[in-house]
Amino acid sequence: MTDKEINWQPLSMIPVYAEMISKILDSSKLQLGMIQIKDHPLLNDDLISHILESQEEQQELIPACLKQCTKWGKKELSEKQSNWISEIKKNVSSLSLISKEIMSIVKSKGKNKIDSVL
């Protein structure tokens, strides 16, 4: 994604952005917990494809999130805005790691997927 393709957000959007990233992170943590269950049923091709596609899309958005934070960071910020930006960066970093872990687990479980067993 190039800088021209990024829809840059004004400073007023920092709290919305922070909440959005936080909710995406919470959702990813929940998904990770669900796929880590030892007795998790076998996955089918469609579910594996869907999970991998959504995680790959998340990974593609991470650089844009960080660029947005950098762009905001060059402006005069209140302490609260600076704290939100720090929170966004921390959450984006966690999101990246969780997303990679989800993809790794799903790929490894894919070897035993329903479609290949049947």
N, C-alpha and C. Protein backbone atom coordinates (compact mmCIF):
# COMPACT_ATOMS: atom_id res chain seq x y z
N MET A 1 0.85 -1.17 0.00
CA MET A 1 0.00 0.00 0.00
C MET A 1 0.89 1.24 0.00
N THR A 2 0.73 2.10 -1.00
CA THR A 2 1.54 3.31 -1.09
C THR A 2 0.92 4.43 -0.28
N ASP A 3 1.72 5.46 -0.01
CA ASP A 3 1.23 6.61 0.75
C ASP A 3 0.02 7.25 0.07
N LYS A 4 -0.01 7.21 -1.26
CA LYS A 4 -1.13 7.81 -1.98
C LYS A 4 -2.42 7.02 -1.79
N GLU A 5 -2.31 5.74 -1.49
CA GLU A 5 -3.48 4.89 -1.29
C GLU A 5 -4.03 4.97 0.13
N ILE A 6 -3.25 5.50 1.04
CA ILE A 6 -3.66 5.58 2.44
C ILE A 6 -4.60 6.77 2.63
N ASN A 7 -5.71 6.52 3.28
CA ASN A 7 -6.66 7.57 3.61
C ASN A 7 -6.23 8.18 4.95
N TRP A 8 -5.37 9.21 4.89
CA TRP A 8 -4.82 9.81 6.11
C TRP A 8 -5.94 10.40 6.96
N GLN A 9 -5.81 10.20 8.25
CA GLN A 9 -6.82 10.65 9.20
C GLN A 9 -6.34 11.89 9.95
N PRO A 10 -7.27 12.81 10.27
CA PRO A 10 -6.89 13.98 11.06
C PRO A 10 -6.67 13.60 12.53
N LEU A 11 -6.05 14.49 13.27
CA LEU A 11 -5.78 14.25 14.69
C LEU A 11 -7.06 13.90 15.46
N SER A 12 -8.16 14.45 15.04
CA SER A 12 -9.42 14.20 15.76
C SER A 12 -9.83 12.73 15.72
N MET A 13 -9.25 11.97 14.83
CA MET A 13 -9.59 10.55 14.69
C MET A 13 -8.73 9.63 15.56
N ILE A 14 -7.76 10.17 16.26
CA ILE A 14 -6.87 9.33 17.08
C ILE A 14 -7.67 8.46 18.05
N PRO A 15 -8.62 8.99 18.82
CA PRO A 15 -9.34 8.11 19.76
C PRO A 15 -10.15 7.03 19.06
N VAL A 16 -10.72 7.36 17.92
CA VAL A 16 -11.50 6.37 17.15
C VAL A 16 -10.57 5.28 16.65
N TYR A 17 -9.44 5.69 16.13
CA TYR A 17 -8.42 4.77 15.61
C TYR A 17 -7.93 3.85 16.74
N ALA A 18 -7.66 4.44 17.91
CA ALA A 18 -7.19 3.66 19.06
C ALA A 18 -8.22 2.62 19.47
N GLU A 19 -9.48 3.00 19.49
CA GLU A 19 -10.54 2.06 19.86
C GLU A 19 -10.69 0.96 18.81
N MET A 20 -10.62 1.34 17.56
CA MET A 20 -10.76 0.37 16.47
C MET A 20 -9.64 -0.68 16.54
N ILE A 21 -8.41 -0.24 16.71
CA ILE A 21 -7.27 -1.16 16.78
C ILE A 21 -7.40 -2.05 18.02
N SER A 22 -7.85 -1.48 19.12
CA SER A 22 -8.04 -2.25 20.35
C SER A 22 -9.08 -3.35 20.15
N LYS A 23 -10.17 -3.03 19.48
CA LYS A 23 -11.21 -4.03 19.23
C LYS A 23 -10.73 -5.12 18.27
N ILE A 24 -9.97 -4.75 17.26
CA ILE A 24 -9.41 -5.74 16.33
C ILE A 24 -8.46 -6.67 17.09
N LEU A 25 -7.65 -6.09 17.98
CA LEU A 25 -6.73 -6.90 18.79
C LEU A 25 -7.50 -7.85 19.69
N ASP A 26 -8.54 -7.37 20.36
CA ASP A 26 -9.36 -8.23 21.22
C ASP A 26 -9.96 -9.39 20.42
N SER A 27 -10.46 -9.09 19.24
CA SER A 27 -11.05 -10.11 18.38
C SER A 27 -10.00 -11.14 17.96
N SER A 28 -8.81 -10.68 17.64
CA SER A 28 -7.74 -11.59 17.23
C SER A 28 -7.31 -12.48 18.40
N LYS A 29 -7.26 -11.92 19.60
CA LYS A 29 -6.91 -12.72 20.79
C LYS A 29 -7.95 -13.81 21.01
N LEU A 30 -9.21 -13.46 20.84
CA LEU A 30 -10.29 -14.43 20.99
C LEU A 30 -10.15 -15.53 19.94
N GLN A 31 -9.90 -15.14 18.70
CA GLN A 31 -9.74 -16.13 17.63
C GLN A 31 -8.55 -17.03 17.92
N LEU A 32 -7.45 -16.46 18.39
CA LEU A 32 -6.27 -17.26 18.72
C LEU A 32 -6.60 -18.28 19.80
N GLY A 33 -7.30 -17.83 20.84
CA GLY A 33 -7.68 -18.74 21.91
C GLY A 33 -8.55 -19.88 21.42
N MET A 34 -9.44 -19.58 20.49
CA MET A 34 -10.34 -20.61 19.97
C MET A 34 -9.59 -21.65 19.13
N ILE A 35 -8.63 -21.22 18.34
CA ILE A 35 -7.93 -22.19 17.49
C ILE A 35 -6.84 -22.93 18.25
N GLN A 36 -6.48 -22.46 19.44
CA GLN A 36 -5.46 -23.15 20.23
C GLN A 36 -6.03 -24.30 21.05
N ILE A 37 -7.33 -24.41 21.12
CA ILE A 37 -7.95 -25.47 21.90
C ILE A 37 -7.47 -26.82 21.36
N LYS A 38 -6.96 -27.65 22.26
CA LYS A 38 -6.38 -28.93 21.85
C LYS A 38 -7.40 -29.82 21.14
N ASP A 39 -8.61 -29.83 21.64
CA ASP A 39 -9.64 -30.69 21.05
C ASP A 39 -10.43 -29.98 19.97
N HIS A 40 -9.83 -28.95 19.39
CA HIS A 40 -10.52 -28.20 18.34
C HIS A 40 -10.84 -29.15 17.19
N PRO A 41 -12.06 -29.08 16.69
CA PRO A 41 -12.42 -29.96 15.58
C PRO A 41 -11.56 -29.65 14.35
N LEU A 42 -11.51 -30.61 13.48
CA LEU A 42 -10.76 -30.42 12.24
C LEU A 42 -11.35 -29.25 11.45
N LEU A 43 -10.49 -28.53 10.78
CA LEU A 43 -10.92 -27.38 9.98
C LEU A 43 -11.17 -27.83 8.54
N ASN A 44 -12.08 -27.14 7.86
CA ASN A 44 -12.29 -27.45 6.44
C ASN A 44 -11.57 -26.41 5.58
N ASP A 45 -11.47 -26.68 4.29
CA ASP A 45 -10.74 -25.80 3.37
C ASP A 45 -11.27 -24.37 3.40
N ASP A 46 -12.59 -24.22 3.40
CA ASP A 46 -13.19 -22.89 3.36
C ASP A 46 -12.83 -22.08 4.60
N LEU A 47 -12.91 -22.71 5.77
CA LEU A 47 -12.59 -22.00 7.01
C LEU A 47 -11.11 -21.63 7.06
N ILE A 48 -10.27 -22.54 6.67
CA ILE A 48 -8.82 -22.26 6.64
C ILE A 48 -8.53 -21.10 5.69
N SER A 49 -9.11 -21.14 4.51
CA SER A 49 -8.91 -20.06 3.54
C SER A 49 -9.39 -18.73 4.08
N HIS A 50 -10.56 -18.74 4.72
CA HIS A 50 -11.12 -17.50 5.27
C HIS A 50 -10.22 -16.92 6.36
N ILE A 51 -9.77 -17.76 7.27
CA ILE A 51 -8.91 -17.29 8.37
C ILE A 51 -7.60 -16.74 7.81
N LEU A 52 -6.99 -17.48 6.90
CA LEU A 52 -5.71 -17.03 6.35
C LEU A 52 -5.87 -15.73 5.57
N GLU A 53 -6.93 -15.61 4.80
CA GLU A 53 -7.17 -14.40 4.03
C GLU A 53 -7.37 -13.19 4.95
N SER A 54 -8.16 -13.35 6.00
CA SER A 54 -8.40 -12.22 6.91
C SER A 54 -7.14 -11.82 7.66
N GLN A 55 -6.32 -12.80 8.05
CA GLN A 55 -5.07 -12.49 8.75
C GLN A 55 -4.05 -11.83 7.81
N GLU A 56 -4.02 -12.26 6.56
CA GLU A 56 -3.11 -11.64 5.59
C GLU A 56 -3.52 -10.19 5.33
N GLU A 57 -4.82 -9.94 5.28
CA GLU A 57 -5.31 -8.56 5.10
C GLU A 57 -4.90 -7.70 6.29
N GLN A 58 -5.01 -8.26 7.49
CA GLN A 58 -4.58 -7.53 8.69
C GLN A 58 -3.10 -7.19 8.61
N GLN A 59 -2.29 -8.16 8.18
CA GLN A 59 -0.85 -7.93 8.08
C GLN A 59 -0.53 -6.82 7.08
N GLU A 60 -1.32 -6.74 6.01
CA GLU A 60 -1.10 -5.69 5.00
C GLU A 60 -1.45 -4.30 5.53
N LEU A 61 -2.37 -4.23 6.48
CA LEU A 61 -2.79 -2.93 7.03
C LEU A 61 -1.86 -2.40 8.11
N ILE A 62 -1.06 -3.27 8.69
CA ILE A 62 -0.20 -2.86 9.80
C ILE A 62 0.77 -1.75 9.42
N PRO A 63 1.48 -1.83 8.28
CA PRO A 63 2.38 -0.72 7.92
C PRO A 63 1.64 0.61 7.77
N ALA A 64 0.41 0.58 7.23
CA ALA A 64 -0.37 1.81 7.07
C ALA A 64 -0.72 2.40 8.44
N CYS A 65 -1.05 1.54 9.39
CA CYS A 65 -1.36 2.01 10.76
C CYS A 65 -0.13 2.70 11.37
N LEU A 66 1.02 2.08 11.18
CA LEU A 66 2.24 2.66 11.75
C LEU A 66 2.61 3.97 11.05
N LYS A 67 2.40 4.04 9.73
CA LYS A 67 2.66 5.29 9.01
C LYS A 67 1.73 6.39 9.49
N GLN A 68 0.47 6.03 9.76
CA GLN A 68 -0.48 7.02 10.26
C GLN A 68 -0.01 7.55 11.60
N CYS A 69 0.46 6.67 12.47
CA CYS A 69 0.98 7.10 13.78
C CYS A 69 2.19 8.01 13.62
N THR A 70 3.06 7.68 12.69
CA THR A 70 4.25 8.51 12.43
C THR A 70 3.82 9.89 11.95
N LYS A 71 2.85 9.92 11.06
CA LYS A 71 2.34 11.19 10.52
C LYS A 71 1.75 12.04 11.65
N TRP A 72 0.94 11.42 12.50
CA TRP A 72 0.37 12.15 13.65
C TRP A 72 1.48 12.63 14.58
N GLY A 73 2.50 11.76 14.78
CA GLY A 73 3.57 12.08 15.72
C GLY A 73 4.39 13.30 15.33
N LYS A 74 4.31 13.72 14.08
CA LYS A 74 5.05 14.89 13.61
C LYS A 74 4.32 16.20 13.92
N LYS A 75 3.09 16.06 14.43
CA LYS A 75 2.30 17.25 14.74
C LYS A 75 2.40 17.56 16.22
N GLU A 76 1.96 18.73 16.58
CA GLU A 76 1.93 19.10 17.99
C GLU A 76 0.76 18.37 18.65
N LEU A 77 1.09 17.54 19.62
CA LEU A 77 0.10 16.67 20.24
C LEU A 77 -0.09 16.99 21.72
N SER A 78 -1.29 16.74 22.19
CA SER A 78 -1.52 16.82 23.63
C SER A 78 -0.95 15.55 24.26
N GLU A 79 -0.83 15.54 25.56
CA GLU A 79 -0.33 14.34 26.25
C GLU A 79 -1.27 13.16 25.99
N LYS A 80 -2.56 13.42 26.00
CA LYS A 80 -3.55 12.37 25.77
C LYS A 80 -3.39 11.79 24.36
N GLN A 81 -3.20 12.64 23.36
CA GLN A 81 -3.01 12.17 21.98
C GLN A 81 -1.73 11.34 21.87
N SER A 82 -0.67 11.78 22.52
CA SER A 82 0.59 11.02 22.51
C SER A 82 0.40 9.65 23.14
N ASN A 83 -0.35 9.61 24.22
CA ASN A 83 -0.62 8.33 24.89
C ASN A 83 -1.42 7.40 23.99
N TRP A 84 -2.43 7.94 23.30
CA TRP A 84 -3.22 7.13 22.38
C TRP A 84 -2.35 6.56 21.26
N ILE A 85 -1.46 7.40 20.72
CA ILE A 85 -0.58 6.94 19.65
C ILE A 85 0.34 5.83 20.16
N SER A 86 0.86 5.98 21.37
CA SER A 86 1.69 4.91 21.96
C SER A 86 0.89 3.63 22.12
N GLU A 87 -0.36 3.76 22.55
CA GLU A 87 -1.23 2.60 22.71
C GLU A 87 -1.50 1.93 21.36
N ILE A 88 -1.76 2.74 20.35
CA ILE A 88 -2.00 2.20 19.00
C ILE A 88 -0.78 1.42 18.53
N LYS A 89 0.41 1.99 18.67
CA LYS A 89 1.64 1.31 18.23
C LYS A 89 1.84 -0.01 18.97
N LYS A 90 1.61 0.01 20.28
CA LYS A 90 1.76 -1.20 21.08
C LYS A 90 0.76 -2.26 20.63
N ASN A 91 -0.49 -1.85 20.43
CA ASN A 91 -1.52 -2.80 20.02
C ASN A 91 -1.29 -3.33 18.61
N VAL A 92 -0.80 -2.48 17.72
CA VAL A 92 -0.50 -2.92 16.35
C VAL A 92 0.63 -3.94 16.37
N SER A 93 1.62 -3.73 17.23
CA SER A 93 2.72 -4.69 17.35
C SER A 93 2.20 -6.03 17.86
N SER A 94 1.35 -5.99 18.88
CA SER A 94 0.75 -7.23 19.41
C SER A 94 -0.12 -7.90 18.36
N LEU A 95 -0.88 -7.11 17.64
CA LEU A 95 -1.75 -7.63 16.59
C LEU A 95 -0.95 -8.36 15.51
N SER A 96 0.18 -7.80 15.15
CA SER A 96 1.04 -8.43 14.14
C SER A 96 1.51 -9.81 14.61
N LEU A 97 1.96 -9.88 15.85
CA LEU A 97 2.45 -11.15 16.40
C LEU A 97 1.33 -12.18 16.49
N ILE A 98 0.17 -11.77 16.99
CA ILE A 98 -0.96 -12.68 17.13
C ILE A 98 -1.43 -13.17 15.76
N SER A 99 -1.49 -12.26 14.81
CA SER A 99 -1.91 -12.62 13.46
C SER A 99 -0.98 -13.66 12.85
N LYS A 100 0.31 -13.47 13.02
CA LYS A 100 1.30 -14.43 12.50
C LYS A 100 1.14 -15.79 13.19
N GLU A 101 0.87 -15.75 14.50
CA GLU A 101 0.67 -17.00 15.24
C GLU A 101 -0.59 -17.72 14.76
N ILE A 102 -1.65 -16.98 14.55
CA ILE A 102 -2.90 -17.57 14.03
C ILE A 102 -2.63 -18.24 12.69
N MET A 103 -1.95 -17.54 11.80
CA MET A 103 -1.67 -18.12 10.48
C MET A 103 -0.84 -19.40 10.59
N SER A 104 0.14 -19.39 11.48
CA SER A 104 0.99 -20.56 11.66
C SER A 104 0.18 -21.75 12.18
N ILE A 105 -0.65 -21.51 13.18
CA ILE A 105 -1.47 -22.59 13.75
C ILE A 105 -2.45 -23.13 12.71
N VAL A 106 -3.12 -22.24 12.01
CA VAL A 106 -4.12 -22.67 11.02
C VAL A 106 -3.45 -23.46 9.90
N LYS A 107 -2.28 -23.02 9.47
CA LYS A 107 -1.57 -23.77 8.43
C LYS A 107 -1.19 -25.16 8.92
N SER A 108 -0.75 -25.26 10.17
CA SER A 108 -0.36 -26.58 10.69
C SER A 108 -1.58 -27.46 10.91
N LYS A 109 -2.69 -26.89 11.36
CA LYS A 109 -3.92 -27.68 11.52
C LYS A 109 -4.51 -28.04 10.16
N GLY A 110 -4.20 -27.25 9.17
CA GLY A 110 -4.71 -27.52 7.83
C GLY A 110 -4.24 -28.85 7.28
N LYS A 111 -3.13 -29.35 7.79
CA LYS A 111 -2.63 -30.64 7.33
C LYS A 111 -3.58 -31.78 7.73
N ASN A 112 -4.35 -31.53 8.78
CA ASN A 112 -5.30 -32.54 9.26
C ASN A 112 -6.74 -32.11 9.03
N LYS A 113 -6.94 -31.26 8.06
CA LYS A 113 -8.28 -30.71 7.82
C LYS A 113 -9.27 -31.77 7.37
N ILE A 114 -10.51 -31.48 7.57
CA ILE A 114 -11.59 -32.41 7.25
C ILE A 114 -11.51 -32.87 5.80
N ASP A 115 -11.32 -31.93 4.88
CA ASP A 115 -11.34 -32.25 3.46
C ASP A 115 -10.25 -33.26 3.07
N SER A 116 -9.10 -33.19 3.72
CA SER A 116 -8.03 -34.12 3.37
C SER A 116 -8.20 -35.47 4.07
N VAL A 117 -8.87 -35.46 5.24
CA VAL A 117 -9.12 -36.70 5.96
C VAL A 117 -10.17 -37.55 5.27
N LEU A 118 -11.21 -36.85 4.77
CA LEU A 118 -12.29 -37.56 4.09
C LEU A 118 -11.81 -37.97 2.72
